[in-house]
Structures are given as structure tokens and as C-alpha cells.
């Protein structure tokens, strides 16, 4: 188990170790997040993904960029670059948080997420706490983007850990948190995690160039229409609704097409009704 933890440290530092992070204002904690249940399957439609979504998928294979820059001491001095490892070493609290996240034990990972949630809830999360977002992204992608196998068996697949980390990324609400959630949405195969990612993207409400709407539609269109997941379908409706409210409407036809397909799909009436309701809201928005 210690070997796996060391391997996780090495890979994390190699892939995410010094990536650029821009921390902004924390999202309100009034909305705790969408609690999806892992039931049903996936919805698949033969559509051609957009160039932007394909670019995002390609970026997943390349991995995050690598440099974390410290704040300039003065405007006259050059910017000093430090690694994420050096940032962790500046605080015992964050060193402990990192070691918990790297642990191969499910309960210890949950404890790390509980520590982060406490910081978000009590307002002690600060814009300088880049390590927190780093840990959340690591845990949100562990078992999907980063897998560890023993004798061919996946041993670090913890969907509930990914779901919890995804929820917290939505509440942190930064640009980097949004980008991490798009990656989760595109590569995770667990409906409960995808549902949380979709909802969290709606909570953040950032949709520059319709990139989030297109990621939501692309993910939906990969699914099998004979085995729809009601929680995922409902989360998609909520995500579009929230994005539209925060951006003053949505003009991307991909959103309309997705909602119509949900409304006529093999979903519970509650989900289909919600899709029609959001369509009406989009129609009346300016």
C-alpha cells in the first residue's frame, strides 16, 4: 500500500505538480450539491462532437500544464516560480492534507475531504490556499484519469470520493475548478460522479464560448438511450437552468437539442417535466 502511495505522489507531482492555478472567490455554501445515485446506464446518440470538445478530450491525454507562480514580492522584481511541493512544505496543515489524499485507504481520503469541507463551510478557505484545490482535483480524478492496478485489478476506484471532491470543486468555484469538472464529466464512467460534475458546473456558472454547454451535450450524447440514468438526466437539466440564469440565457442549439431528447427519452416523468420546464425558461430568456 505504501508503494502505491509513493507511486501516487510521483505521478501527481509529474502531472499536476507545478500547474498554473488561479484562485478566485469561493462559491456560496448555501447549495450543498446534487446527490446523484448510481443507477441506470448511459445515453448514446450518433452526433459529431464539436472541435472545442475534441480539443478538451485531447488535453486530457496531455495533462495539465506545469508551473505554479508565486506572487511577486514587488512590481519591480521578476516573478518567482515555486513548485506545488514547496507550497505544501510551507504549511504542516497542508502537508497532512496531502498525505491523506495520497493514502490508499478510502476512509483516510474521506477524512481529507472532510477537512477541506470544514474549511469551505467555516470560511477559513482563502484565495492563497492553492493546495486545497490541487488536492480536490487529484481526488476528483483518481480512479478515472489516474488508475492504479494490482494483478490487473483496479485498486484506487472510489466513486464516492470522486463525487465528494467534485461537489467541493463546485463550491470552490474557480476557473481551474471549472476546468477540472469538465475533465471529470468527460472521462468518468460513474453516473453518480457525472451527475455531481454536471450540477457543480451549473453552480459555478462559467460558460465562456459555450464550452461547458458543449461538454454537457457531448457527454449526454455518448450515452445509451436504452439505459438512461434519471439522476444524470435531471442533473443535466439543472446545470443548463443554472448556467442560463447566471449568463442571461443560452444561445447554443446543443442545449435545446439535449433537453428535447431528455423530454422524449425513457426517463421518469419528473425528469422529462424538468427538461420541458427548462426549455420554457430558455425560450423566455433574453
Protein backbone atom coordinates (compact mmCIF):
# COMPACT_ATOMS: atom_id res chain seq x y z
CA UNK A 1 0.00 0.00 0.00
CA UNK A 2 2.92 2.33 0.79
CA UNK A 3 4.39 1.60 -2.65
CA UNK A 4 1.09 2.70 -4.24
CA UNK A 5 1.08 5.87 -2.16
CA UNK A 6 4.63 6.69 -3.25
CA UNK A 7 3.73 6.00 -6.86
CA UNK A 8 0.74 8.31 -6.49
CA UNK A 9 2.98 11.06 -5.13
CA UNK A 10 5.40 10.71 -8.03
CA UNK A 11 2.66 10.75 -10.67
CA UNK A 12 0.82 13.63 -9.07
CA UNK A 13 3.93 15.76 -8.94
CA UNK A 14 4.80 14.82 -12.51
CA UNK A 15 1.35 15.59 -13.96
CA UNK A 16 -0.04 18.28 -11.69
CA UNK A 17 2.96 19.28 -9.64
CA UNK A 18 3.52 22.80 -10.84
CA UNK A 19 0.46 23.64 -12.87
CA UNK A 20 -0.82 27.16 -13.10
CA UNK A 21 -3.71 27.83 -10.72
CA UNK A 22 -5.80 30.98 -10.49
CA UNK A 23 -7.77 31.15 -7.25
CA UNK A 24 -10.78 33.47 -7.07
CA UNK A 25 -13.77 33.93 -4.77
CA UNK A 26 -15.36 30.95 -3.00
CA UNK A 27 -18.82 29.91 -4.15
CA UNK A 28 -21.64 30.33 -1.65
CA UNK A 29 -22.14 27.29 0.59
CA UNK A 30 -25.91 27.65 0.52
CA UNK A 31 -26.24 24.89 -2.07
CA UNK A 32 -24.65 21.69 -0.86
CA UNK A 33 -24.72 19.96 -4.24
CA UNK A 34 -26.60 17.38 -6.20
CA UNK A 35 -26.62 13.93 -4.58
CA UNK A 36 -26.92 11.56 -7.55
CA UNK A 37 -27.48 7.82 -7.11
CA UNK A 38 -25.61 5.39 -9.32
CA UNK A 39 -28.48 3.72 -11.12
CA UNK A 40 -29.17 3.01 -14.74
CA UNK A 41 -26.77 3.27 -17.64
CA UNK A 42 -25.81 5.71 -20.36
CA UNK A 43 -27.35 7.56 -23.29
CA UNK A 44 -25.72 7.37 -26.73
CA UNK A 45 -26.65 9.35 -29.85
CA UNK A 46 -24.69 9.48 -33.11
CA UNK A 47 -23.65 13.11 -33.20
CA UNK A 48 -20.47 14.77 -34.27
CA UNK A 49 -18.66 16.37 -31.29
CA UNK A 50 -17.57 19.94 -31.63
CA UNK A 51 -13.98 20.90 -32.27
CA UNK A 52 -13.85 22.52 -28.86
CA UNK A 53 -14.92 19.39 -27.02
CA UNK A 54 -12.46 17.29 -29.01
CA UNK A 55 -9.74 19.72 -28.01
CA UNK A 56 -10.70 19.26 -24.36
CA UNK A 57 -10.57 15.48 -24.74
CA UNK A 58 -7.12 15.77 -26.35
CA UNK A 59 -5.98 17.97 -23.50
CA UNK A 60 -6.91 15.20 -21.07
CA UNK A 61 -4.32 12.94 -22.66
CA UNK A 62 -1.64 15.60 -22.46
CA UNK A 63 -2.26 16.52 -18.83
CA UNK A 64 -2.25 19.87 -17.05
CA UNK A 65 0.41 22.42 -17.75
CA UNK A 66 3.21 22.77 -15.30
CA UNK A 67 4.06 25.94 -13.44
CA UNK A 68 2.71 27.42 -10.21
CA UNK A 69 3.89 31.00 -9.84
CA UNK A 70 4.20 32.78 -6.52
CA UNK A 71 3.03 36.33 -6.09
CA UNK A 72 5.58 38.98 -6.94
CA UNK A 73 7.30 40.47 -3.93
CA UNK A 74 7.19 43.88 -5.63
CA UNK A 75 6.05 45.04 -9.03
CA UNK A 76 9.68 45.79 -9.91
CA UNK A 77 11.02 42.30 -9.18
CA UNK A 78 10.65 39.34 -11.57
CA UNK A 79 8.04 36.69 -10.82
CA UNK A 80 9.38 33.80 -8.76
CA UNK A 81 8.28 30.31 -9.66
CA UNK A 82 7.77 27.70 -6.95
CA UNK A 83 6.55 24.14 -7.17
CA UNK A 84 3.41 22.77 -5.57
CA UNK A 85 5.71 20.65 -3.39
CA UNK A 86 7.29 23.82 -2.00
CA UNK A 87 3.86 25.27 -1.33
CA UNK A 88 2.88 22.20 0.66
CA UNK A 89 6.08 22.38 2.70
CA UNK A 90 5.15 25.89 3.84
CA UNK A 91 2.31 24.52 5.98
CA UNK A 92 2.08 21.50 8.26
CA UNK A 93 -1.69 21.54 7.77
CA UNK A 94 -1.37 21.18 4.02
CA UNK A 95 1.35 18.55 4.30
CA UNK A 96 -1.05 16.44 6.36
CA UNK A 97 -3.86 17.11 3.88
CA UNK A 98 -1.65 15.97 1.02
CA UNK A 99 -0.59 12.77 2.77
CA UNK A 100 -4.22 11.93 3.50
CA UNK A 101 -5.14 12.45 -0.15
CA UNK A 102 -2.25 10.21 -1.28
CA UNK A 103 -3.25 7.42 1.09
CA UNK A 104 -4.53 4.22 -0.45
CA UNK A 105 -7.18 3.94 2.27
CA UNK A 106 -10.74 5.00 1.47
CA UNK A 107 -11.53 6.30 4.97
CA UNK A 108 -8.38 8.44 5.09
CA UNK A 109 -9.25 10.00 1.73
CA UNK A 110 -12.72 10.77 3.06
CA UNK A 111 -11.09 12.37 6.10
CA UNK A 112 -9.07 14.64 3.77
CA UNK A 113 -12.27 15.73 2.05
CA UNK A 114 -13.93 16.35 5.41
CA UNK A 115 -11.00 18.63 6.32
CA UNK A 116 -11.48 20.61 3.10
CA UNK A 117 -15.24 20.81 3.55
CA UNK A 118 -14.74 22.23 7.03
CA UNK A 119 -12.53 24.97 5.61
CA UNK A 120 -15.15 25.83 3.00
CA UNK A 121 -18.02 25.75 5.50
CA UNK A 122 -16.38 27.89 8.19
CA UNK A 123 -14.96 30.43 5.77
CA UNK A 124 -11.31 29.66 6.51
CA UNK A 125 -10.61 28.77 2.88
CA UNK A 126 -8.50 31.58 1.41
CA UNK A 127 -7.59 32.52 -2.12
CA UNK A 128 -3.96 31.67 -1.33
CA UNK A 129 -4.83 28.06 -0.42
CA UNK A 130 -3.92 26.69 -3.85
CA UNK A 131 -3.04 23.37 -2.28
CA UNK A 132 -6.69 22.76 -1.39
CA UNK A 133 -7.84 22.98 -4.99
CA UNK A 134 -4.88 20.84 -6.04
CA UNK A 135 -5.95 18.07 -3.63
CA UNK A 136 -9.59 18.29 -4.73
CA UNK A 137 -8.67 17.90 -8.40
CA UNK A 138 -6.41 14.96 -7.55
CA UNK A 139 -9.17 13.15 -5.66
CA UNK A 140 -11.86 14.03 -8.22
CA UNK A 141 -9.83 12.32 -10.98
CA UNK A 142 -8.35 9.41 -9.02
CA UNK A 143 -9.58 6.08 -10.33
CA UNK A 144 -10.65 7.57 -13.67
CA UNK A 145 -7.86 9.75 -15.10
CA UNK A 146 -5.28 8.16 -12.79
CA UNK A 147 -5.64 4.46 -12.09
CA UNK A 148 -3.57 2.05 -10.01
CA UNK A 149 -3.76 -1.67 -10.67
CA UNK A 150 -2.54 -4.72 -8.79
CA UNK A 151 -2.58 -8.03 -10.65
CA UNK A 152 -4.77 -6.37 -13.25
CA UNK A 153 -7.33 -5.19 -10.69
CA UNK A 154 -8.15 -1.50 -10.23
CA UNK A 155 -7.44 -0.73 -6.57
CA UNK A 156 -8.00 3.04 -6.34
CA UNK A 157 -11.53 3.28 -7.75
CA UNK A 158 -13.54 5.18 -5.13
CA UNK A 159 -16.59 6.77 -6.83
CA UNK A 160 -17.87 8.31 -3.60
CA UNK A 161 -14.51 10.02 -3.04
CA UNK A 162 -14.64 11.43 -6.58
CA UNK A 163 -18.25 12.54 -6.09
CA UNK A 164 -17.44 14.33 -2.83
CA UNK A 165 -14.35 16.02 -4.31
CA UNK A 166 -16.40 17.06 -7.35
CA UNK A 167 -19.03 18.63 -5.12
CA UNK A 168 -16.37 20.65 -3.30
CA UNK A 169 -14.82 21.83 -6.57
CA UNK A 170 -18.22 23.27 -7.45
CA UNK A 171 -18.36 25.11 -4.15
CA UNK A 172 -14.83 26.49 -4.54
CA UNK A 173 -15.94 27.81 -7.93
CA UNK A 174 -12.70 28.97 -9.56
CA UNK A 175 -11.81 28.83 -13.24
CA UNK A 176 -9.43 25.94 -12.54
CA UNK A 177 -12.17 24.16 -10.59
CA UNK A 178 -14.45 24.51 -13.62
CA UNK A 179 -11.79 23.07 -15.92
CA UNK A 180 -11.26 20.14 -13.57
CA UNK A 181 -15.00 19.46 -13.51
CA UNK A 182 -15.15 19.41 -17.31
CA UNK A 183 -12.41 16.77 -17.28
CA UNK A 184 -14.35 14.74 -14.71
CA UNK A 185 -17.51 15.00 -16.79
CA UNK A 186 -15.79 13.84 -19.97
CA UNK A 187 -13.86 10.85 -18.64
CA UNK A 188 -15.66 9.44 -15.58
CA UNK A 189 -17.91 6.44 -16.23
CA UNK A 190 -19.85 6.54 -12.95
CA UNK A 191 -23.30 8.17 -13.27
CA UNK A 192 -23.15 9.40 -9.67
CA UNK A 193 -19.89 11.26 -10.36
CA UNK A 194 -21.02 12.64 -13.71
CA UNK A 195 -24.27 13.83 -12.14
CA UNK A 196 -22.33 15.71 -9.46
CA UNK A 197 -19.94 17.20 -12.03
CA UNK A 198 -22.80 18.43 -14.22
CA UNK A 199 -24.58 20.03 -11.28
CA UNK A 200 -21.35 21.58 -9.96
CA UNK A 201 -20.68 23.18 -13.34
CA UNK A 202 -24.11 24.75 -13.14
CA UNK A 203 -23.36 26.04 -9.64
CA UNK A 204 -20.14 27.69 -10.84
CA UNK A 205 -22.00 29.19 -13.80
CA UNK A 206 -19.00 29.87 -16.06
CA UNK A 207 -19.74 29.16 -19.73
CA UNK A 208 -17.31 31.18 -21.82
CA UNK A 209 -17.74 30.43 -25.53
CA UNK A 210 -20.39 27.83 -24.60
CA UNK A 211 -17.62 25.37 -23.67
CA UNK A 212 -19.47 24.00 -20.64
CA UNK A 213 -22.76 23.58 -22.52
CA UNK A 214 -20.95 21.71 -25.28
CA UNK A 215 -19.21 19.45 -22.75
CA UNK A 216 -22.57 18.65 -21.13
CA UNK A 217 -24.18 17.89 -24.51
CA UNK A 218 -21.19 15.83 -25.67
CA UNK A 219 -21.29 13.69 -22.53
CA UNK A 220 -25.03 13.17 -22.82
CA UNK A 221 -24.74 12.16 -26.48
CA UNK A 222 -22.24 9.41 -25.64
CA UNK A 223 -24.82 7.59 -23.53
CA UNK A 224 -27.01 4.61 -24.40
CA UNK A 225 -30.64 5.80 -24.85
CA UNK A 226 -31.98 2.39 -23.85
CA UNK A 227 -30.50 2.69 -20.34
CA UNK A 228 -30.91 6.29 -19.21
CA UNK A 229 -29.81 7.34 -15.74
CA UNK A 230 -32.51 9.52 -14.19
CA UNK A 231 -30.16 11.31 -11.80
CA UNK A 232 -27.78 12.23 -14.60
CA UNK A 233 -30.63 13.42 -16.81
CA UNK A 234 -32.04 15.58 -14.02
CA UNK A 235 -28.58 16.97 -13.17
CA UNK A 236 -28.11 18.00 -16.82
CA UNK A 237 -31.41 19.88 -16.74
CA UNK A 238 -30.40 21.66 -13.52
CA UNK A 239 -26.98 22.53 -14.94
CA UNK A 240 -28.46 24.16 -18.06
CA UNK A 241 -31.01 26.01 -15.93
CA UNK A 242 -28.34 27.43 -13.60
CA UNK A 243 -25.98 28.35 -16.43
CA UNK A 244 -28.78 30.20 -18.22
CA UNK A 245 -29.73 32.16 -15.09
CA UNK A 246 -26.13 33.22 -14.41
CA UNK A 247 -25.32 34.15 -18.00
CA UNK A 248 -28.62 35.69 -19.05
CA UNK A 249 -29.67 32.83 -21.29
CA UNK A 250 -28.11 30.20 -23.55
CA UNK A 251 -27.96 30.53 -27.34
CA UNK A 252 -26.27 27.21 -28.12
CA UNK A 253 -28.62 24.84 -30.02
CA UNK A 254 -26.81 21.89 -28.40
CA UNK A 255 -28.57 22.76 -25.13
CA UNK A 256 -32.01 22.77 -26.77
CA UNK A 257 -31.37 19.50 -28.58
CA UNK A 258 -30.23 17.80 -25.37
CA UNK A 259 -33.26 18.96 -23.39
CA UNK A 260 -35.67 17.83 -26.11
CA UNK A 261 -34.05 14.39 -26.18
CA UNK A 262 -34.36 14.14 -22.40
CA UNK A 263 -38.01 15.24 -22.55
CA UNK A 264 -38.83 12.48 -25.04
CA UNK A 265 -36.48 9.88 -23.62
CA UNK A 266 -37.09 6.88 -21.40
CA UNK A 267 -36.90 8.85 -18.17
CA UNK A 268 -39.13 9.24 -15.15
CA UNK A 269 -41.87 11.80 -15.63
CA UNK A 270 -40.16 14.11 -13.11
CA UNK A 271 -37.04 14.29 -15.29
CA UNK A 272 -38.98 14.82 -18.52
CA UNK A 273 -41.10 17.54 -16.92
CA UNK A 274 -37.96 19.31 -15.70
CA UNK A 275 -36.48 19.26 -19.22
CA UNK A 276 -39.62 20.87 -20.63
CA UNK A 277 -39.62 23.47 -17.84
CA UNK A 278 -36.03 24.48 -18.61
CA UNK A 279 -36.86 24.72 -22.32
CA UNK A 280 -39.67 27.15 -21.47
CA UNK A 281 -37.28 29.18 -19.33
CA UNK A 282 -34.73 29.36 -22.14
CA UNK A 283 -37.42 30.44 -24.57
CA UNK A 284 -38.44 33.34 -22.37
CA UNK A 285 -34.90 34.47 -21.53
CA UNK A 286 -33.46 37.46 -23.36
